[in-house]
Amino acid sequence: MILSLESSIVRTRTPDDPIAGAGFLIGNGLILTCAHVVASALDVPESRREAPADELLLDFPLVEPACTMTARVIH
């Protein structure tokens, strides 16, 4: 159980690489995180109502931290 929990932890990053926040892989390529983490990673206002079109940068720090991936907001 612990191993699967650790492998689901995701870090979101800003384009210049600092960590913006965390999230969790919840299945089938879906990651759950907070809107303020997305806003911080993409440098957009937290009050923004529509989903940003820009891609998020992320990694799995406890699995392969050197491998950066991209994701998009769907909701």
PDB file of N, CA and C in Angstrom:
ATOM      1  N   MET A   1       0.819  -1.199   0.000  1.00  0.00           N
ATOM      2  CA  MET A   1       0.000   0.000   0.000  1.00  0.00           C
ATOM      3  C   MET A   1       0.855   1.251   0.000  1.00  0.00           C
ATOM      4  N   ILE A   2       1.866   1.323   0.871  1.00  0.00           N
ATOM      5  CA  ILE A   2       2.717   2.509   0.947  1.00  0.00           C
ATOM      6  C   ILE A   2       3.429   2.745  -0.374  1.00  0.00           C
ATOM      7  N   LEU A   3       3.944   1.690  -0.998  1.00  0.00           N
ATOM      8  CA  LEU A   3       4.657   1.835  -2.256  1.00  0.00           C
ATOM      9  C   LEU A   3       3.753   2.432  -3.322  1.00  0.00           C
ATOM     10  N   SER A   4       2.511   1.986  -3.426  1.00  0.00           N
ATOM     11  CA  SER A   4       1.610   2.539  -4.430  1.00  0.00           C
ATOM     12  C   SER A   4       1.236   3.978  -4.104  1.00  0.00           C
ATOM     13  N   LEU A   5       1.127   4.323  -2.846  1.00  0.00           N
ATOM     14  CA  LEU A   5       0.850   5.700  -2.464  1.00  0.00           C
ATOM     15  C   LEU A   5       2.036   6.598  -2.838  1.00  0.00           C
ATOM     16  N   GLU A   6       3.245   6.165  -2.515  1.00  0.00           N
ATOM     17  CA  GLU A   6       4.429   6.955  -2.839  1.00  0.00           C
ATOM     18  C   GLU A   6       4.582   7.135  -4.346  1.00  0.00           C
ATOM     19  N   SER A   7       4.270   6.126  -5.118  1.00  0.00           N
ATOM     20  CA  SER A   7       4.424   6.229  -6.569  1.00  0.00           C
ATOM     21  C   SER A   7       3.336   7.084  -7.213  1.00  0.00           C
ATOM     22  N   SER A   8       2.320   7.461  -6.457  1.00  0.00           N
ATOM     23  CA  SER A   8       1.257   8.308  -7.010  1.00  0.00           C
ATOM     24  C   SER A   8       1.488   9.794  -6.758  1.00  0.00           C
ATOM     25  N   ILE A   9       2.499  10.142  -5.973  1.00  0.00           N
ATOM     26  CA  ILE A   9       2.759  11.553  -5.645  1.00  0.00           C
ATOM     27  C   ILE A   9       3.367  12.268  -6.852  1.00  0.00           C
ATOM     28  N   VAL A  10       2.781  13.422  -7.173  1.00  0.00           N
ATOM     29  CA  VAL A  10       3.194  14.222  -8.323  1.00  0.00           C
ATOM     30  C   VAL A  10       3.607  15.606  -7.840  1.00  0.00           C
ATOM     31  N   ARG A  11       4.674  16.155  -8.429  1.00  0.00           N
ATOM     32  CA  ARG A  11       5.044  17.555  -8.191  1.00  0.00           C
ATOM     33  C   ARG A  11       4.717  18.347  -9.444  1.00  0.00           C
ATOM     34  N   THR A  12       4.086  19.499  -9.278  1.00  0.00           N
ATOM     35  CA  THR A  12       3.887  20.411 -10.396  1.00  0.00           C
ATOM     36  C   THR A  12       4.984  21.469 -10.324  1.00  0.00           C
ATOM     37  N   ARG A  13       5.409  21.919 -11.499  1.00  0.00           N
ATOM     38  CA  ARG A  13       6.540  22.845 -11.573  1.00  0.00           C
ATOM     39  C   ARG A  13       6.194  24.064 -12.422  1.00  0.00           C
ATOM     40  N   THR A  14       6.893  25.135 -12.149  1.00  0.00           N
ATOM     41  CA  THR A  14       6.790  26.326 -12.989  1.00  0.00           C
ATOM     42  C   THR A  14       7.723  26.139 -14.181  1.00  0.00           C
ATOM     43  N   PRO A  15       7.574  26.939 -15.244  1.00  0.00           N
ATOM     44  CA  PRO A  15       8.451  26.791 -16.408  1.00  0.00           C
ATOM     45  C   PRO A  15       9.944  26.928 -16.083  1.00  0.00           C
ATOM     46  N   ASP A  16      10.284  27.706 -15.061  1.00  0.00           N
ATOM     47  CA  ASP A  16      11.698  27.828 -14.706  1.00  0.00           C
ATOM     48  C   ASP A  16      12.121  26.817 -13.648  1.00  0.00           C
ATOM     49  N   ASP A  17      11.268  25.825 -13.349  1.00  0.00           N
ATOM     50  CA  ASP A  17      11.553  24.615 -12.589  1.00  0.00           C
ATOM     51  C   ASP A  17      11.277  24.590 -11.097  1.00  0.00           C
ATOM     52  N   PRO A  18      11.027  25.685 -10.384  1.00  0.00           N
ATOM     53  CA  PRO A  18      10.685  25.532  -8.968  1.00  0.00           C
ATOM     54  C   PRO A  18       9.385  24.747  -8.791  1.00  0.00           C
ATOM     55  N   ILE A  19       9.268  24.119  -7.659  1.00  0.00           N
ATOM     56  CA  ILE A  19       8.070  23.333  -7.353  1.00  0.00           C
ATOM     57  C   ILE A  19       6.917  24.282  -7.025  1.00  0.00           C
ATOM     58  N   ALA A  20       5.782  24.075  -7.689  1.00  0.00           N
ATOM     59  CA  ALA A  20       4.600  24.903  -7.454  1.00  0.00           C
ATOM     60  C   ALA A  20       3.654  24.250  -6.468  1.00  0.00           C
ATOM     61  N   GLY A  21       3.671  22.923  -6.404  1.00  0.00           N
ATOM     62  CA  GLY A  21       2.768  22.229  -5.502  1.00  0.00           C
ATOM     63  C   GLY A  21       2.770  20.740  -5.771  1.00  0.00           C
ATOM     64  N   ALA A  22       1.802  20.068  -5.192  1.00  0.00           N
ATOM     65  CA  ALA A  22       1.734  18.614  -5.288  1.00  0.00           C
ATOM     66  C   ALA A  22       0.363  18.169  -5.768  1.00  0.00           C
ATOM     67  N   GLY A  23       0.303  16.916  -6.154  1.00  0.00           N
ATOM     68  CA  GLY A  23      -0.941  16.292  -6.554  1.00  0.00           C
ATOM     69  C   GLY A  23      -0.780  14.786  -6.441  1.00  0.00           C
ATOM     70  N   PHE A  24      -1.797  14.064  -6.874  1.00  0.00           N
ATOM     71  CA  PHE A  24      -1.773  12.609  -6.811  1.00  0.00           C
ATOM     72  C   PHE A  24      -2.314  12.020  -8.098  1.00  0.00           C
ATOM     73  N   LEU A  25      -1.645  10.996  -8.587  1.00  0.00           N
ATOM     74  CA  LEU A  25      -2.154  10.221  -9.706  1.00  0.00           C
ATOM     75  C   LEU A  25      -3.322   9.397  -9.170  1.00  0.00           C
ATOM     76  N   ILE A  26      -4.489   9.580  -9.773  1.00  0.00           N
ATOM     77  CA  ILE A  26      -5.673   8.883  -9.255  1.00  0.00           C
ATOM     78  C   ILE A  26      -6.167   7.794 -10.197  1.00  0.00           C
ATOM     79  N   GLY A  27      -5.510   7.622 -11.336  1.00  0.00           N
ATOM     80  CA  GLY A  27      -5.872   6.534 -12.243  1.00  0.00           C
ATOM     81  C   GLY A  27      -5.977   6.968 -13.677  1.00  0.00           C
ATOM     82  N   ASN A  28      -5.666   6.052 -14.593  1.00  0.00           N
ATOM     83  CA  ASN A  28      -5.787   6.277 -16.039  1.00  0.00           C
ATOM     84  C   ASN A  28      -5.271   7.636 -16.504  1.00  0.00           C
ATOM     85  N   GLY A  29      -4.117   8.028 -16.032  1.00  0.00           N
ATOM     86  CA  GLY A  29      -3.518   9.282 -16.476  1.00  0.00           C
ATOM     87  C   GLY A  29      -4.160  10.524 -15.896  1.00  0.00           C
ATOM     88  N   LEU A  30      -4.963  10.388 -14.867  1.00  0.00           N
ATOM     89  CA  LEU A  30      -5.603  11.542 -14.240  1.00  0.00           C
ATOM     90  C   LEU A  30      -4.867  11.913 -12.959  1.00  0.00           C
ATOM     91  N   ILE A  31      -4.592  13.196 -12.822  1.00  0.00           N
ATOM     92  CA  ILE A  31      -3.918  13.710 -11.631  1.00  0.00           C
ATOM     93  C   ILE A  31      -4.859  14.685 -10.948  1.00  0.00           C
ATOM     94  N   LEU A  32      -4.964  14.568  -9.645  1.00  0.00           N
ATOM     95  CA  LEU A  32      -5.789  15.466  -8.856  1.00  0.00           C
ATOM     96  C   LEU A  32      -4.876  16.429  -8.104  1.00  0.00           C
ATOM     97  N   THR A  33      -5.131  17.718  -8.258  1.00  0.00           N
ATOM     98  CA  THR A  33      -4.417  18.745  -7.507  1.00  0.00           C
ATOM     99  C   THR A  33      -5.382  19.892  -7.269  1.00  0.00           C
ATOM    100  N   CYS A  34      -4.936  20.907  -6.575  1.00  0.00           N
ATOM    101  CA  CYS A  34      -5.780  22.061  -6.254  1.00  0.00           C
ATOM    102  C   CYS A  34      -5.649  23.150  -7.312  1.00  0.00           C
ATOM    103  N   ALA A  35      -6.696  23.936  -7.447  1.00  0.00           N
ATOM    104  CA  ALA A  35      -6.690  25.031  -8.422  1.00  0.00           C
ATOM    105  C   ALA A  35      -5.576  26.036  -8.119  1.00  0.00           C
ATOM    106  N   HIS A  36      -5.282  26.278  -6.833  1.00  0.00           N
ATOM    107  CA  HIS A  36      -4.232  27.248  -6.524  1.00  0.00           C
ATOM    108  C   HIS A  36      -2.849  26.721  -6.926  1.00  0.00           C
ATOM    109  N   VAL A  37      -2.670  25.409  -6.959  1.00  0.00           N
ATOM    110  CA  VAL A  37      -1.404  24.825  -7.422  1.00  0.00           C
ATOM    111  C   VAL A  37      -1.261  25.053  -8.926  1.00  0.00           C
ATOM    112  N   VAL A  38      -2.320  24.827  -9.675  1.00  0.00           N
ATOM    113  CA  VAL A  38      -2.303  25.069 -11.116  1.00  0.00           C
ATOM    114  C   VAL A  38      -2.038  26.549 -11.390  1.00  0.00           C
ATOM    115  N   ALA A  39      -2.727  27.423 -10.668  1.00  0.00           N
ATOM    116  CA  ALA A  39      -2.536  28.866 -10.847  1.00  0.00           C
ATOM    117  C   ALA A  39      -1.092  29.274 -10.573  1.00  0.00           C
ATOM    118  N   SER A  40      -0.516  28.719  -9.533  1.00  0.00           N
ATOM    119  CA  SER A  40       0.871  29.029  -9.194  1.00  0.00           C
ATOM    120  C   SER A  40       1.832  28.507 -10.258  1.00  0.00           C
ATOM    121  N   ALA A  41       1.611  27.287 -10.722  1.00  0.00           N
ATOM    122  CA  ALA A  41       2.491  26.683 -11.727  1.00  0.00           C
ATOM    123  C   ALA A  41       2.448  27.443 -13.046  1.00  0.00           C
ATOM    124  N   LEU A  42       1.281  27.951 -13.411  1.00  0.00           N
ATOM    125  CA  LEU A  42       1.118  28.632 -14.696  1.00  0.00           C
ATOM    126  C   LEU A  42       1.154  30.148 -14.579  1.00  0.00           C
ATOM    127  N   ASP A  43       1.313  30.646 -13.359  1.00  0.00           N
ATOM    128  CA  ASP A  43       1.355  32.087 -13.107  1.00  0.00           C
ATOM    129  C   ASP A  43       0.116  32.794 -13.654  1.00  0.00           C
ATOM    130  N   VAL A  44      -1.038  32.271 -13.264  1.00  0.00           N
ATOM    131  CA  VAL A  44      -2.319  32.883 -13.621  1.00  0.00           C
ATOM    132  C   VAL A  44      -3.053  33.224 -12.322  1.00  0.00           C
ATOM    133  N   PRO A  45      -3.989  34.156 -12.360  1.00  0.00           N
ATOM    134  CA  PRO A  45      -4.732  34.512 -11.143  1.00  0.00           C
ATOM    135  C   PRO A  45      -5.530  33.333 -10.584  1.00  0.00           C
ATOM    136  N   GLU A  46      -5.528  33.196  -9.277  1.00  0.00           N
ATOM    137  CA  GLU A  46      -6.307  32.124  -8.634  1.00  0.00           C
ATOM    138  C   GLU A  46      -7.798  32.291  -8.860  1.00  0.00           C
ATOM    139  N   SER A  47      -8.248  33.501  -9.117  1.00  0.00           N
ATOM    140  CA  SER A  47      -9.676  33.768  -9.307  1.00  0.00           C
ATOM    141  C   SER A  47     -10.161  33.411 -10.715  1.00  0.00           C
ATOM    142  N   ARG A  48      -9.272  33.002 -11.576  1.00  0.00           N
ATOM    143  CA  ARG A  48      -9.637  32.653 -12.954  1.00  0.00           C
ATOM    144  C   ARG A  48     -10.648  31.510 -12.948  1.00  0.00           C
ATOM    145  N   ARG A  49     -11.731  31.649 -13.679  1.00  0.00           N
ATOM    146  CA  ARG A  49     -12.812  30.660 -13.665  1.00  0.00           C
ATOM    147  C   ARG A  49     -12.627  29.569 -14.728  1.00  0.00           C
ATOM    148  N   GLU A  50     -12.088  29.921 -15.898  1.00  0.00           N
ATOM    149  CA  GLU A  50     -11.943  28.941 -16.965  1.00  0.00           C
ATOM    150  C   GLU A  50     -10.616  28.175 -16.825  1.00  0.00           C
ATOM    151  N   ALA A  51     -10.610  26.967 -17.323  1.00  0.00           N
ATOM    152  CA  ALA A  51      -9.400  26.135 -17.259  1.00  0.00           C
ATOM    153  C   ALA A  51      -8.328  26.716 -18.174  1.00  0.00           C
ATOM    154  N   PRO A  52      -7.100  26.842 -17.688  1.00  0.00           N
ATOM    155  CA  PRO A  52      -6.031  27.354 -18.540  1.00  0.00           C
ATOM    156  C   PRO A  52      -5.694  26.363 -19.656  1.00  0.00           C
ATOM    157  N   ALA A  53      -5.309  26.887 -20.807  1.00  0.00           N
ATOM    158  CA  ALA A  53      -4.960  26.041 -21.954  1.00  0.00           C
ATOM    159  C   ALA A  53      -3.493  25.607 -21.911  1.00  0.00           C
ATOM    160  N   ASP A  54      -2.665  26.326 -21.166  1.00  0.00           N
ATOM    161  CA  ASP A  54      -1.241  26.003 -21.100  1.00  0.00           C
ATOM    162  C   ASP A  54      -1.023  24.643 -20.448  1.00  0.00           C
ATOM    163  N   GLU A  55       0.065  23.980 -20.842  1.00  0.00           N
ATOM    164  CA  GLU A  55       0.408  22.697 -20.249  1.00  0.00           C
ATOM    165  C   GLU A  55       1.151  22.884 -18.936  1.00  0.00           C
ATOM    166  N   LEU A  56       0.887  22.008 -18.008  1.00  0.00           N
ATOM    167  CA  LEU A  56       1.601  21.964 -16.733  1.00  0.00           C
ATOM    168  C   LEU A  56       2.812  21.063 -16.859  1.00  0.00           C
ATOM    169  N   LEU A  57       3.870  21.412 -16.164  1.00  0.00           N
ATOM    170  CA  LEU A  57       5.041  20.541 -16.065  1.00  0.00           C
ATOM    171  C   LEU A  57       4.929  19.777 -14.756  1.00  0.00           C
ATOM    172  N   LEU A  58       5.265  18.506 -14.781  1.00  0.00           N
ATOM    173  CA  LEU A  58       5.180  17.712 -13.563  1.00  0.00           C
ATOM    174  C   LEU A  58       6.202  16.586 -13.576  1.00  0.00           C
ATOM    175  N   ASP A  59       6.413  16.021 -12.396  1.00  0.00           N
ATOM    176  CA  ASP A  59       7.246  14.828 -12.265  1.00  0.00           C
ATOM    177  C   ASP A  59       6.745  13.979 -11.108  1.00  0.00           C
ATOM    178  N   PHE A  60       7.292  12.788 -11.025  1.00  0.00           N
ATOM    179  CA  PHE A  60       6.985  11.856  -9.938  1.00  0.00           C
ATOM    180  C   PHE A  60       8.252  11.750  -9.087  1.00  0.00           C
ATOM    181  N   PRO A  61       8.359  12.544  -8.028  1.00  0.00           N
ATOM    182  CA  PRO A  61       9.623  12.670  -7.292  1.00  0.00           C
ATOM    183  C   PRO A  61      10.116  11.401  -6.610  1.00  0.00           C
ATOM    184  N   LEU A  62       9.222  10.495  -6.259  1.00  0.00           N
ATOM    185  CA  LEU A  62       9.640   9.284  -5.569  1.00  0.00           C
ATOM    186  C   LEU A  62       9.810   8.103  -6.519  1.00  0.00           C
ATOM    187  N   VAL A  63       9.558   8.340  -7.805  1.00  0.00           N
ATOM    188  CA  VAL A  63       9.708   7.285  -8.807  1.00  0.00           C
ATOM    189  C   VAL A  63      10.842   7.631  -9.763  1.00  0.00           C
ATOM    190  N   GLU A  64      10.712   8.779 -10.454  1.00  0.00           N
ATOM    191  CA  GLU A  64      11.726   9.204 -11.411  1.00  0.00           C
ATOM    192  C   GLU A  64      11.737  10.732 -11.485  1.00  0.00           C
ATOM    193  N   PRO A  65      12.367  11.393 -10.519  1.00  0.00           N
ATOM    194  CA  PRO A  65      12.327  12.854 -10.439  1.00  0.00           C
ATOM    195  C   PRO A  65      12.982  13.579 -11.610  1.00  0.00           C
ATOM    196  N   ALA A  66      13.881  12.952 -12.324  1.00  0.00           N
ATOM    197  CA  ALA A  66      14.562  13.620 -13.434  1.00  0.00           C
ATOM    198  C   ALA A  66      13.731  13.621 -14.717  1.00  0.00           C
ATOM    199  N   CYS A  67      12.622  12.919 -14.725  1.00  0.00           N
ATOM    200  CA  CYS A  67      11.773  12.815 -15.916  1.00  0.00           C
ATOM    201  C   CYS A  67      10.597  13.785 -15.803  1.00  0.00           C
ATOM    202  N   THR A  68      10.676  14.892 -16.525  1.00  0.00           N
ATOM    203  CA  THR A  68       9.597  15.884 -16.513  1.00  0.00           C
ATOM    204  C   THR A  68       8.573  15.546 -17.591  1.00  0.00           C
ATOM    205  N   MET A  69       7.309  15.635 -17.230  1.00  0.00           N
ATOM    206  CA  MET A  69       6.204  15.351 -18.151  1.00  0.00           C
ATOM    207  C   MET A  69       5.303  16.565 -18.246  1.00  0.00           C
ATOM    208  N   THR A  70       4.367  16.517 -19.160  1.00  0.00           N
ATOM    209  CA  THR A  70       3.401  17.597 -19.289  1.00  0.00           C
ATOM    210  C   THR A  70       1.990  17.052 -19.078  1.00  0.00           C
ATOM    211  N   ALA A  71       1.111  17.952 -18.681  1.00  0.00           N
ATOM    212  CA  ALA A  71      -0.301  17.613 -18.487  1.00  0.00           C
ATOM    213  C   ALA A  71      -1.127  18.834 -18.841  1.00  0.00           C
ATOM    214  N   ARG A  72      -2.391  18.613 -19.051  1.00  0.00           N
ATOM    215  CA  ARG A  72      -3.299  19.734 -19.312  1.00  0.00           C
ATOM    216  C   ARG A  72      -4.470  19.646 -18.342  1.00  0.00           C
ATOM    217  N   VAL A  73      -5.023  20.796 -18.053  1.00  0.00           N
ATOM    218  CA  VAL A  73      -6.161  20.874 -17.139  1.00  0.00           C
ATOM    219  C   VAL A  73      -7.426  20.497 -17.916  1.00  0.00           C
ATOM    220  N   ILE A  74      -8.203  19.577 -17.335  1.00  0.00           N
ATOM    221  CA  ILE A  74      -9.464  19.203 -17.978  1.00  0.00           C
ATOM    222  C   ILE A  74     -10.672  19.683 -17.179  1.00  0.00           C
ATOM    223  N   HIS A  75     -10.454  20.055 -15.918  1.00  0.00           N
ATOM    224  CA  HIS A  75     -11.583  20.580 -15.119  1.00  0.00           C
ATOM    225  C   HIS A  75     -11.034  21.375 -13.967  1.00  0.00           C
TER     226      HIS A  75
END
